Amino acid sequence: YILPRIDMALIMTVNPGLGGQALV
């Protein structure tokens, strides 16, 4: 429902918070 109101959707391709992880 929010999609028409936003400019960008960010799909996290790792679990957030730690760098250097492999893409899920």
mmCIF file of all heavy atoms, coordinates in Angstrom:
data_MODEL
# 
_entry.id   MODEL 
# 
loop_
_atom_site.group_PDB 
_atom_site.id 
_atom_site.type_symbol 
_atom_site.label_atom_id 
_atom_site.label_alt_id 
_atom_site.label_comp_id 
_atom_site.label_asym_id 
_atom_site.label_entity_id 
_atom_site.label_seq_id 
_atom_site.pdbx_PDB_ins_code 
_atom_site.Cartn_x 
_atom_site.Cartn_y 
_atom_site.Cartn_z 
_atom_site.occupancy 
_atom_site.B_iso_or_equiv 
_atom_site.pdbx_formal_charge 
_atom_site.auth_seq_id 
_atom_site.auth_comp_id 
_atom_site.auth_asym_id 
_atom_site.auth_atom_id 
_atom_site.pdbx_PDB_model_num 
ATOM 1   N N   . TYR A 1 1  ? 0.808  -1.222  0.000  1.00 0.00 ? 1  TYR A N   1 
ATOM 2   C CA  . TYR A 1 1  ? 0.000  0.000   0.000  1.00 0.00 ? 1  TYR A CA  1 
ATOM 3   C C   . TYR A 1 1  ? 0.840  1.270   0.000  1.00 0.00 ? 1  TYR A C   1 
ATOM 4   O O   . TYR A 1 1  ? 0.385  2.314   -0.482 1.00 0.00 ? 1  TYR A O   1 
ATOM 5   C CB  . TYR A 1 1  ? -0.971 -0.013  1.193  1.00 0.00 ? 1  TYR A CB  1 
ATOM 6   C CG  . TYR A 1 1  ? -1.938 -1.156  1.128  1.00 0.00 ? 1  TYR A CG  1 
ATOM 7   C CD1 . TYR A 1 1  ? -1.823 -2.244  1.986  1.00 0.00 ? 1  TYR A CD1 1 
ATOM 8   C CD2 . TYR A 1 1  ? -2.937 -1.179  0.156  1.00 0.00 ? 1  TYR A CD2 1 
ATOM 9   C CE1 . TYR A 1 1  ? -2.705 -3.325  1.900  1.00 0.00 ? 1  TYR A CE1 1 
ATOM 10  C CE2 . TYR A 1 1  ? -3.818 -2.244  0.063  1.00 0.00 ? 1  TYR A CE2 1 
ATOM 11  C CZ  . TYR A 1 1  ? -3.700 -3.322  0.934  1.00 0.00 ? 1  TYR A CZ  1 
ATOM 12  O OH  . TYR A 1 1  ? -4.561 -4.377  0.829  1.00 0.00 ? 1  TYR A OH  1 
ATOM 13  N N   . ILE A 1 2  ? 2.054  1.186   0.495  1.00 0.00 ? 2  ILE A N   1 
ATOM 14  C CA  . ILE A 1 2  ? 2.905  2.377   0.573  1.00 0.00 ? 2  ILE A CA  1 
ATOM 15  C C   . ILE A 1 2  ? 3.692  2.597   -0.720 1.00 0.00 ? 2  ILE A C   1 
ATOM 16  O O   . ILE A 1 2  ? 4.189  3.697   -0.974 1.00 0.00 ? 2  ILE A O   1 
ATOM 17  C CB  . ILE A 1 2  ? 3.879  2.257   1.777  1.00 0.00 ? 2  ILE A CB  1 
ATOM 18  C CG1 . ILE A 1 2  ? 4.398  3.629   2.220  1.00 0.00 ? 2  ILE A CG1 1 
ATOM 19  C CG2 . ILE A 1 2  ? 5.049  1.334   1.469  1.00 0.00 ? 2  ILE A CG2 1 
ATOM 20  C CD1 . ILE A 1 2  ? 3.446  4.424   3.034  1.00 0.00 ? 2  ILE A CD1 1 
ATOM 21  N N   . LEU A 1 3  ? 3.774  1.576   -1.560 1.00 0.00 ? 3  LEU A N   1 
ATOM 22  C CA  . LEU A 1 3  ? 4.633  1.630   -2.748 1.00 0.00 ? 3  LEU A CA  1 
ATOM 23  C C   . LEU A 1 3  ? 4.388  2.851   -3.639 1.00 0.00 ? 3  LEU A C   1 
ATOM 24  O O   . LEU A 1 3  ? 5.352  3.491   -4.078 1.00 0.00 ? 3  LEU A O   1 
ATOM 25  C CB  . LEU A 1 3  ? 4.485  0.336   -3.552 1.00 0.00 ? 3  LEU A CB  1 
ATOM 26  C CG  . LEU A 1 3  ? 5.554  0.033   -4.603 1.00 0.00 ? 3  LEU A CG  1 
ATOM 27  C CD1 . LEU A 1 3  ? 6.948  -0.023  -3.992 1.00 0.00 ? 3  LEU A CD1 1 
ATOM 28  C CD2 . LEU A 1 3  ? 5.244  -1.302  -5.291 1.00 0.00 ? 3  LEU A CD2 1 
ATOM 29  N N   . PRO A 1 4  ? 3.140  3.242   -3.913 1.00 0.00 ? 4  PRO A N   1 
ATOM 30  C CA  . PRO A 1 4  ? 2.944  4.415   -4.773 1.00 0.00 ? 4  PRO A CA  1 
ATOM 31  C C   . PRO A 1 4  ? 3.437  5.728   -4.157 1.00 0.00 ? 4  PRO A C   1 
ATOM 32  O O   . PRO A 1 4  ? 3.603  6.719   -4.864 1.00 0.00 ? 4  PRO A O   1 
ATOM 33  C CB  . PRO A 1 4  ? 1.421  4.448   -4.978 1.00 0.00 ? 4  PRO A CB  1 
ATOM 34  C CG  . PRO A 1 4  ? 0.943  3.076   -4.674 1.00 0.00 ? 4  PRO A CG  1 
ATOM 35  C CD  . PRO A 1 4  ? 1.852  2.585   -3.607 1.00 0.00 ? 4  PRO A CD  1 
ATOM 36  N N   . ARG A 1 5  ? 3.668  5.745   -2.845 1.00 0.00 ? 5  ARG A N   1 
ATOM 37  C CA  . ARG A 1 5  ? 4.062  6.973   -2.161 1.00 0.00 ? 5  ARG A CA  1 
ATOM 38  C C   . ARG A 1 5  ? 5.579  7.115   -2.029 1.00 0.00 ? 5  ARG A C   1 
ATOM 39  O O   . ARG A 1 5  ? 6.052  8.183   -1.629 1.00 0.00 ? 5  ARG A O   1 
ATOM 40  C CB  . ARG A 1 5  ? 3.453  7.010   -0.753 1.00 0.00 ? 5  ARG A CB  1 
ATOM 41  C CG  . ARG A 1 5  ? 1.943  7.024   -0.725 1.00 0.00 ? 5  ARG A CG  1 
ATOM 42  C CD  . ARG A 1 5  ? 1.460  7.594   0.605  1.00 0.00 ? 5  ARG A CD  1 
ATOM 43  N NE  . ARG A 1 5  ? 1.942  8.964   0.765  1.00 0.00 ? 5  ARG A NE  1 
ATOM 44  C CZ  . ARG A 1 5  ? 2.381  9.459   1.911  1.00 0.00 ? 5  ARG A CZ  1 
ATOM 45  N NH1 . ARG A 1 5  ? 2.410  8.722   2.999  1.00 0.00 ? 5  ARG A NH1 1 
ATOM 46  N NH2 . ARG A 1 5  ? 2.797  10.706  1.982  1.00 0.00 ? 5  ARG A NH2 1 
ATOM 47  N N   . ILE A 1 6  ? 6.321  6.061   -2.297 1.00 0.00 ? 6  ILE A N   1 
ATOM 48  C CA  . ILE A 1 6  ? 7.759  6.127   -2.050 1.00 0.00 ? 6  ILE A CA  1 
ATOM 49  C C   . ILE A 1 6  ? 8.528  6.194   -3.365 1.00 0.00 ? 6  ILE A C   1 
ATOM 50  O O   . ILE A 1 6  ? 8.020  5.843   -4.436 1.00 0.00 ? 6  ILE A O   1 
ATOM 51  C CB  . ILE A 1 6  ? 8.248  4.948   -1.193 1.00 0.00 ? 6  ILE A CB  1 
ATOM 52  C CG1 . ILE A 1 6  ? 8.052  3.603   -1.905 1.00 0.00 ? 6  ILE A CG1 1 
ATOM 53  C CG2 . ILE A 1 6  ? 7.545  4.963   0.158  1.00 0.00 ? 6  ILE A CG2 1 
ATOM 54  C CD1 . ILE A 1 6  ? 8.596  2.415   -1.129 1.00 0.00 ? 6  ILE A CD1 1 
ATOM 55  N N   . ASP A 1 7  ? 9.753  6.657   -3.272 1.00 0.00 ? 7  ASP A N   1 
ATOM 56  C CA  . ASP A 1 7  ? 10.611 6.816   -4.447 1.00 0.00 ? 7  ASP A CA  1 
ATOM 57  C C   . ASP A 1 7  ? 11.552 5.638   -4.632 1.00 0.00 ? 7  ASP A C   1 
ATOM 58  O O   . ASP A 1 7  ? 12.017 5.388   -5.741 1.00 0.00 ? 7  ASP A O   1 
ATOM 59  C CB  . ASP A 1 7  ? 11.433 8.107   -4.308 1.00 0.00 ? 7  ASP A CB  1 
ATOM 60  C CG  . ASP A 1 7  ? 10.538 9.324   -4.120 1.00 0.00 ? 7  ASP A CG  1 
ATOM 61  O OD1 . ASP A 1 7  ? 9.961  9.774   -5.121 1.00 0.00 ? 7  ASP A OD1 1 
ATOM 62  O OD2 . ASP A 1 7  ? 10.396 9.801   -2.973 1.00 0.00 ? 7  ASP A OD2 1 
ATOM 63  N N   . MET A 1 8  ? 11.825 4.935   -3.527 1.00 0.00 ? 8  MET A N   1 
ATOM 64  C CA  . MET A 1 8  ? 12.778 3.832   -3.606 1.00 0.00 ? 8  MET A CA  1 
ATOM 65  C C   . MET A 1 8  ? 12.425 2.756   -2.587 1.00 0.00 ? 8  MET A C   1 
ATOM 66  O O   . MET A 1 8  ? 12.031 3.060   -1.457 1.00 0.00 ? 8  MET A O   1 
ATOM 67  C CB  . MET A 1 8  ? 14.201 4.348   -3.342 1.00 0.00 ? 8  MET A CB  1 
ATOM 68  C CG  . MET A 1 8  ? 15.291 3.312   -3.518 1.00 0.00 ? 8  MET A CG  1 
ATOM 69  S SD  . MET A 1 8  ? 16.940 4.072   -3.486 1.00 0.00 ? 8  MET A SD  1 
ATOM 70  C CE  . MET A 1 8  ? 17.093 4.465   -1.737 1.00 0.00 ? 8  MET A CE  1 
ATOM 71  N N   . ALA A 1 9  ? 12.556 1.508   -3.003 1.00 0.00 ? 9  ALA A N   1 
ATOM 72  C CA  . ALA A 1 9  ? 12.442 0.373   -2.096 1.00 0.00 ? 9  ALA A CA  1 
ATOM 73  C C   . ALA A 1 9  ? 13.830 -0.246  -1.967 1.00 0.00 ? 9  ALA A C   1 
ATOM 74  O O   . ALA A 1 9  ? 14.481 -0.532  -2.975 1.00 0.00 ? 9  ALA A O   1 
ATOM 75  C CB  . ALA A 1 9  ? 11.450 -0.655  -2.634 1.00 0.00 ? 9  ALA A CB  1 
ATOM 76  N N   . LEU A 1 10 ? 14.278 -0.421  -0.738 1.00 0.00 ? 10 LEU A N   1 
ATOM 77  C CA  . LEU A 1 10 ? 15.592 -1.012  -0.492 1.00 0.00 ? 10 LEU A CA  1 
ATOM 78  C C   . LEU A 1 10 ? 15.398 -2.444  -0.015 1.00 0.00 ? 10 LEU A C   1 
ATOM 79  O O   . LEU A 1 10 ? 14.805 -2.686  1.040  1.00 0.00 ? 10 LEU A O   1 
ATOM 80  C CB  . LEU A 1 10 ? 16.344 -0.197  0.568  1.00 0.00 ? 10 LEU A CB  1 
ATOM 81  C CG  . LEU A 1 10 ? 17.601 -0.807  1.193  1.00 0.00 ? 10 LEU A CG  1 
ATOM 82  C CD1 . LEU A 1 10 ? 18.585 -1.270  0.133  1.00 0.00 ? 10 LEU A CD1 1 
ATOM 83  C CD2 . LEU A 1 10 ? 18.264 0.171   2.144  1.00 0.00 ? 10 LEU A CD2 1 
ATOM 84  N N   . ILE A 1 11 ? 15.889 -3.378  -0.801 1.00 0.00 ? 11 ILE A N   1 
ATOM 85  C CA  . ILE A 1 11 ? 15.868 -4.785  -0.420 1.00 0.00 ? 11 ILE A CA  1 
ATOM 86  C C   . ILE A 1 11 ? 17.224 -5.122  0.180  1.00 0.00 ? 11 ILE A C   1 
ATOM 87  O O   . ILE A 1 11 ? 18.251 -5.100  -0.516 1.00 0.00 ? 11 ILE A O   1 
ATOM 88  C CB  . ILE A 1 11 ? 15.572 -5.700  -1.622 1.00 0.00 ? 11 ILE A CB  1 
ATOM 89  C CG1 . ILE A 1 11 ? 14.219 -5.342  -2.257 1.00 0.00 ? 11 ILE A CG1 1 
ATOM 90  C CG2 . ILE A 1 11 ? 15.620 -7.171  -1.203 1.00 0.00 ? 11 ILE A CG2 1 
ATOM 91  C CD1 . ILE A 1 11 ? 13.031 -5.507  -1.356 1.00 0.00 ? 11 ILE A CD1 1 
ATOM 92  N N   . MET A 1 12 ? 17.241 -5.392  1.483  1.00 0.00 ? 12 MET A N   1 
ATOM 93  C CA  . MET A 1 12 ? 18.482 -5.804  2.118  1.00 0.00 ? 12 MET A CA  1 
ATOM 94  C C   . MET A 1 12 ? 18.853 -7.201  1.619  1.00 0.00 ? 12 MET A C   1 
ATOM 95  O O   . MET A 1 12 ? 18.053 -8.135  1.718  1.00 0.00 ? 12 MET A O   1 
ATOM 96  C CB  . MET A 1 12 ? 18.329 -5.816  3.644  1.00 0.00 ? 12 MET A CB  1 
ATOM 97  C CG  . MET A 1 12 ? 18.174 -4.445  4.270  1.00 0.00 ? 12 MET A CG  1 
ATOM 98  S SD  . MET A 1 12 ? 19.594 -3.348  3.992  1.00 0.00 ? 12 MET A SD  1 
ATOM 99  C CE  . MET A 1 12 ? 20.935 -4.287  4.743  1.00 0.00 ? 12 MET A CE  1 
ATOM 100 N N   . THR A 1 13 ? 20.050 -7.317  1.097  1.00 0.00 ? 13 THR A N   1 
ATOM 101 C CA  . THR A 1 13 ? 20.505 -8.599  0.560  1.00 0.00 ? 13 THR A CA  1 
ATOM 102 C C   . THR A 1 13 ? 21.427 -9.330  1.530  1.00 0.00 ? 13 THR A C   1 
ATOM 103 O O   . THR A 1 13 ? 21.965 -10.391 1.224  1.00 0.00 ? 13 THR A O   1 
ATOM 104 C CB  . THR A 1 13 ? 21.193 -8.391  -0.804 1.00 0.00 ? 13 THR A CB  1 
ATOM 105 O OG1 . THR A 1 13 ? 22.030 -7.223  -0.750 1.00 0.00 ? 13 THR A OG1 1 
ATOM 106 C CG2 . THR A 1 13 ? 20.148 -8.170  -1.896 1.00 0.00 ? 13 THR A CG2 1 
ATOM 107 N N   . VAL A 1 14 ? 21.574 -8.744  2.722  1.00 0.00 ? 14 VAL A N   1 
ATOM 108 C CA  . VAL A 1 14 ? 22.185 -9.415  3.876  1.00 0.00 ? 14 VAL A CA  1 
ATOM 109 C C   . VAL A 1 14 ? 21.389 -8.984  5.105  1.00 0.00 ? 14 VAL A C   1 
ATOM 110 O O   . VAL A 1 14 ? 20.586 -8.057  5.040  1.00 0.00 ? 14 VAL A O   1 
ATOM 111 C CB  . VAL A 1 14 ? 23.674 -9.021  4.080  1.00 0.00 ? 14 VAL A CB  1 
ATOM 112 C CG1 . VAL A 1 14 ? 24.516 -9.432  2.882  1.00 0.00 ? 14 VAL A CG1 1 
ATOM 113 C CG2 . VAL A 1 14 ? 23.830 -7.527  4.369  1.00 0.00 ? 14 VAL A CG2 1 
ATOM 114 N N   . ASN A 1 15 ? 21.647 -9.634  6.225  1.00 0.00 ? 15 ASN A N   1 
ATOM 115 C CA  . ASN A 1 15 ? 21.041 -9.182  7.473  1.00 0.00 ? 15 ASN A CA  1 
ATOM 116 C C   . ASN A 1 15 ? 21.730 -7.893  7.892  1.00 0.00 ? 15 ASN A C   1 
ATOM 117 O O   . ASN A 1 15 ? 22.959 -7.824  7.919  1.00 0.00 ? 15 ASN A O   1 
ATOM 118 C CB  . ASN A 1 15 ? 21.185 -10.252 8.547  1.00 0.00 ? 15 ASN A CB  1 
ATOM 119 C CG  . ASN A 1 15 ? 20.358 -11.481 8.227  1.00 0.00 ? 15 ASN A CG  1 
ATOM 120 O OD1 . ASN A 1 15 ? 19.161 -11.376 7.981  1.00 0.00 ? 15 ASN A OD1 1 
ATOM 121 N ND2 . ASN A 1 15 ? 20.987 -12.638 8.199  1.00 0.00 ? 15 ASN A ND2 1 
ATOM 122 N N   . PRO A 1 16 ? 20.974 -6.841  8.197  1.00 0.00 ? 16 PRO A N   1 
ATOM 123 C CA  . PRO A 1 16 ? 21.573 -5.524  8.390  1.00 0.00 ? 16 PRO A CA  1 
ATOM 124 C C   . PRO A 1 16 ? 22.411 -5.430  9.658  1.00 0.00 ? 16 PRO A C   1 
ATOM 125 O O   . PRO A 1 16 ? 22.139 -6.091  10.655 1.00 0.00 ? 16 PRO A O   1 
ATOM 126 C CB  . PRO A 1 16 ? 20.358 -4.596  8.468  1.00 0.00 ? 16 PRO A CB  1 
ATOM 127 C CG  . PRO A 1 16 ? 19.259 -5.466  8.963  1.00 0.00 ? 16 PRO A CG  1 
ATOM 128 C CD  . PRO A 1 16 ? 19.509 -6.815  8.379  1.00 0.00 ? 16 PRO A CD  1 
ATOM 129 N N   . GLY A 1 17 ? 23.437 -4.567  9.571  1.00 0.00 ? 17 GLY A N   1 
ATOM 130 C CA  . GLY A 1 17 ? 24.191 -4.221  10.763 1.00 0.00 ? 17 GLY A CA  1 
ATOM 131 C C   . GLY A 1 17 ? 25.644 -4.632  10.770 1.00 0.00 ? 17 GLY A C   1 
ATOM 132 O O   . GLY A 1 17 ? 26.442 -4.109  11.539 1.00 0.00 ? 17 GLY A O   1 
ATOM 133 N N   . LEU A 1 18 ? 26.020 -5.566  9.909  1.00 0.00 ? 18 LEU A N   1 
ATOM 134 C CA  . LEU A 1 18 ? 27.400 -6.045  9.876  1.00 0.00 ? 18 LEU A CA  1 
ATOM 135 C C   . LEU A 1 18 ? 27.900 -6.052  8.433  1.00 0.00 ? 18 LEU A C   1 
ATOM 136 O O   . LEU A 1 18 ? 27.217 -6.556  7.536  1.00 0.00 ? 18 LEU A O   1 
ATOM 137 C CB  . LEU A 1 18 ? 27.500 -7.458  10.466 1.00 0.00 ? 18 LEU A CB  1 
ATOM 138 C CG  . LEU A 1 18 ? 27.145 -7.605  11.952 1.00 0.00 ? 18 LEU A CG  1 
ATOM 139 C CD1 . LEU A 1 18 ? 27.077 -9.075  12.330 1.00 0.00 ? 18 LEU A CD1 1 
ATOM 140 C CD2 . LEU A 1 18 ? 28.149 -6.873  12.827 1.00 0.00 ? 18 LEU A CD2 1 
ATOM 141 N N   . GLY A 1 19 ? 29.083 -5.513  8.202  1.00 0.00 ? 19 GLY A N   1 
ATOM 142 C CA  . GLY A 1 19 ? 29.653 -5.497  6.858  1.00 0.00 ? 19 GLY A CA  1 
ATOM 143 C C   . GLY A 1 19 ? 30.323 -6.809  6.515  1.00 0.00 ? 19 GLY A C   1 
ATOM 144 O O   . GLY A 1 19 ? 30.584 -7.652  7.379  1.00 0.00 ? 19 GLY A O   1 
ATOM 145 N N   . GLY A 1 20 ? 30.600 -7.004  5.233  1.00 0.00 ? 20 GLY A N   1 
ATOM 146 C CA  . GLY A 1 20 ? 31.368 -8.155  4.786  1.00 0.00 ? 20 GLY A CA  1 
ATOM 147 C C   . GLY A 1 20 ? 30.612 -9.462  4.692  1.00 0.00 ? 20 GLY A C   1 
ATOM 148 O O   . GLY A 1 20 ? 31.220 -10.524 4.522  1.00 0.00 ? 20 GLY A O   1 
ATOM 149 N N   . GLN A 1 21 ? 29.269 -9.433  4.795  1.00 0.00 ? 21 GLN A N   1 
ATOM 150 C CA  . GLN A 1 21 ? 28.495 -10.668 4.700  1.00 0.00 ? 21 GLN A CA  1 
ATOM 151 C C   . GLN A 1 21 ? 28.283 -11.076 3.245  1.00 0.00 ? 21 GLN A C   1 
ATOM 152 O O   . GLN A 1 21 ? 28.323 -10.251 2.339  1.00 0.00 ? 21 GLN A O   1 
ATOM 153 C CB  . GLN A 1 21 ? 27.120 -10.485 5.344  1.00 0.00 ? 21 GLN A CB  1 
ATOM 154 C CG  . GLN A 1 21 ? 27.120 -10.133 6.807  1.00 0.00 ? 21 GLN A CG  1 
ATOM 155 C CD  . GLN A 1 21 ? 25.695 -9.945  7.315  1.00 0.00 ? 21 GLN A CD  1 
ATOM 156 O OE1 . GLN A 1 21 ? 24.893 -10.871 7.360  1.00 0.00 ? 21 GLN A OE1 1 
ATOM 157 N NE2 . GLN A 1 21 ? 25.375 -8.709  7.681  1.00 0.00 ? 21 GLN A NE2 1 
ATOM 158 N N   . ALA A 1 22 ? 28.035 -12.378 3.045  1.00 0.00 ? 22 ALA A N   1 
ATOM 159 C CA  . ALA A 1 22 ? 27.706 -12.882 1.710  1.00 0.00 ? 22 ALA A CA  1 
ATOM 160 C C   . ALA A 1 22 ? 26.245 -12.607 1.403  1.00 0.00 ? 22 ALA A C   1 
ATOM 161 O O   . ALA A 1 22 ? 25.385 -12.657 2.292  1.00 0.00 ? 22 ALA A O   1 
ATOM 162 C CB  . ALA A 1 22 ? 27.980 -14.376 1.628  1.00 0.00 ? 22 ALA A CB  1 
ATOM 163 N N   . LEU A 1 23 ? 25.957 -12.306 0.151  1.00 0.00 ? 23 LEU A N   1 
ATOM 164 C CA  . LEU A 1 23 ? 24.591 -12.041 -0.292 1.00 0.00 ? 23 LEU A CA  1 
ATOM 165 C C   . LEU A 1 23 ? 23.699 -13.253 -0.023 1.00 0.00 ? 23 LEU A C   1 
ATOM 166 O O   . LEU A 1 23 ? 24.078 -14.394 -0.301 1.00 0.00 ? 23 LEU A O   1 
ATOM 167 C CB  . LEU A 1 23 ? 24.609 -11.688 -1.776 1.00 0.00 ? 23 LEU A CB  1 
ATOM 168 C CG  . LEU A 1 23 ? 23.286 -11.324 -2.436 1.00 0.00 ? 23 LEU A CG  1 
ATOM 169 C CD1 . LEU A 1 23 ? 23.507 -10.245 -3.489 1.00 0.00 ? 23 LEU A CD1 1 
ATOM 170 C CD2 . LEU A 1 23 ? 22.654 -12.544 -3.093 1.00 0.00 ? 23 LEU A CD2 1 
ATOM 171 N N   . VAL A 1 24 ? 22.517 -12.997 0.521  1.00 0.00 ? 24 VAL A N   1 
ATOM 172 C CA  . VAL A 1 24 ? 21.526 -14.050 0.767  1.00 0.00 ? 24 VAL A CA  1 
ATOM 173 C C   . VAL A 1 24 ? 20.792 -14.313 -0.551 1.00 0.00 ? 24 VAL A C   1 
ATOM 174 O O   . VAL A 1 24 ? 20.088 -13.431 -1.051 1.00 0.00 ? 24 VAL A O   1 
ATOM 175 C CB  . VAL A 1 24 ? 20.530 -13.621 1.864  1.00 0.00 ? 24 VAL A CB  1 
ATOM 176 C CG1 . VAL A 1 24 ? 19.465 -14.698 2.066  1.00 0.00 ? 24 VAL A CG1 1 
ATOM 177 C CG2 . VAL A 1 24 ? 21.262 -13.320 3.172  1.00 0.00 ? 24 VAL A CG2 1 
# 
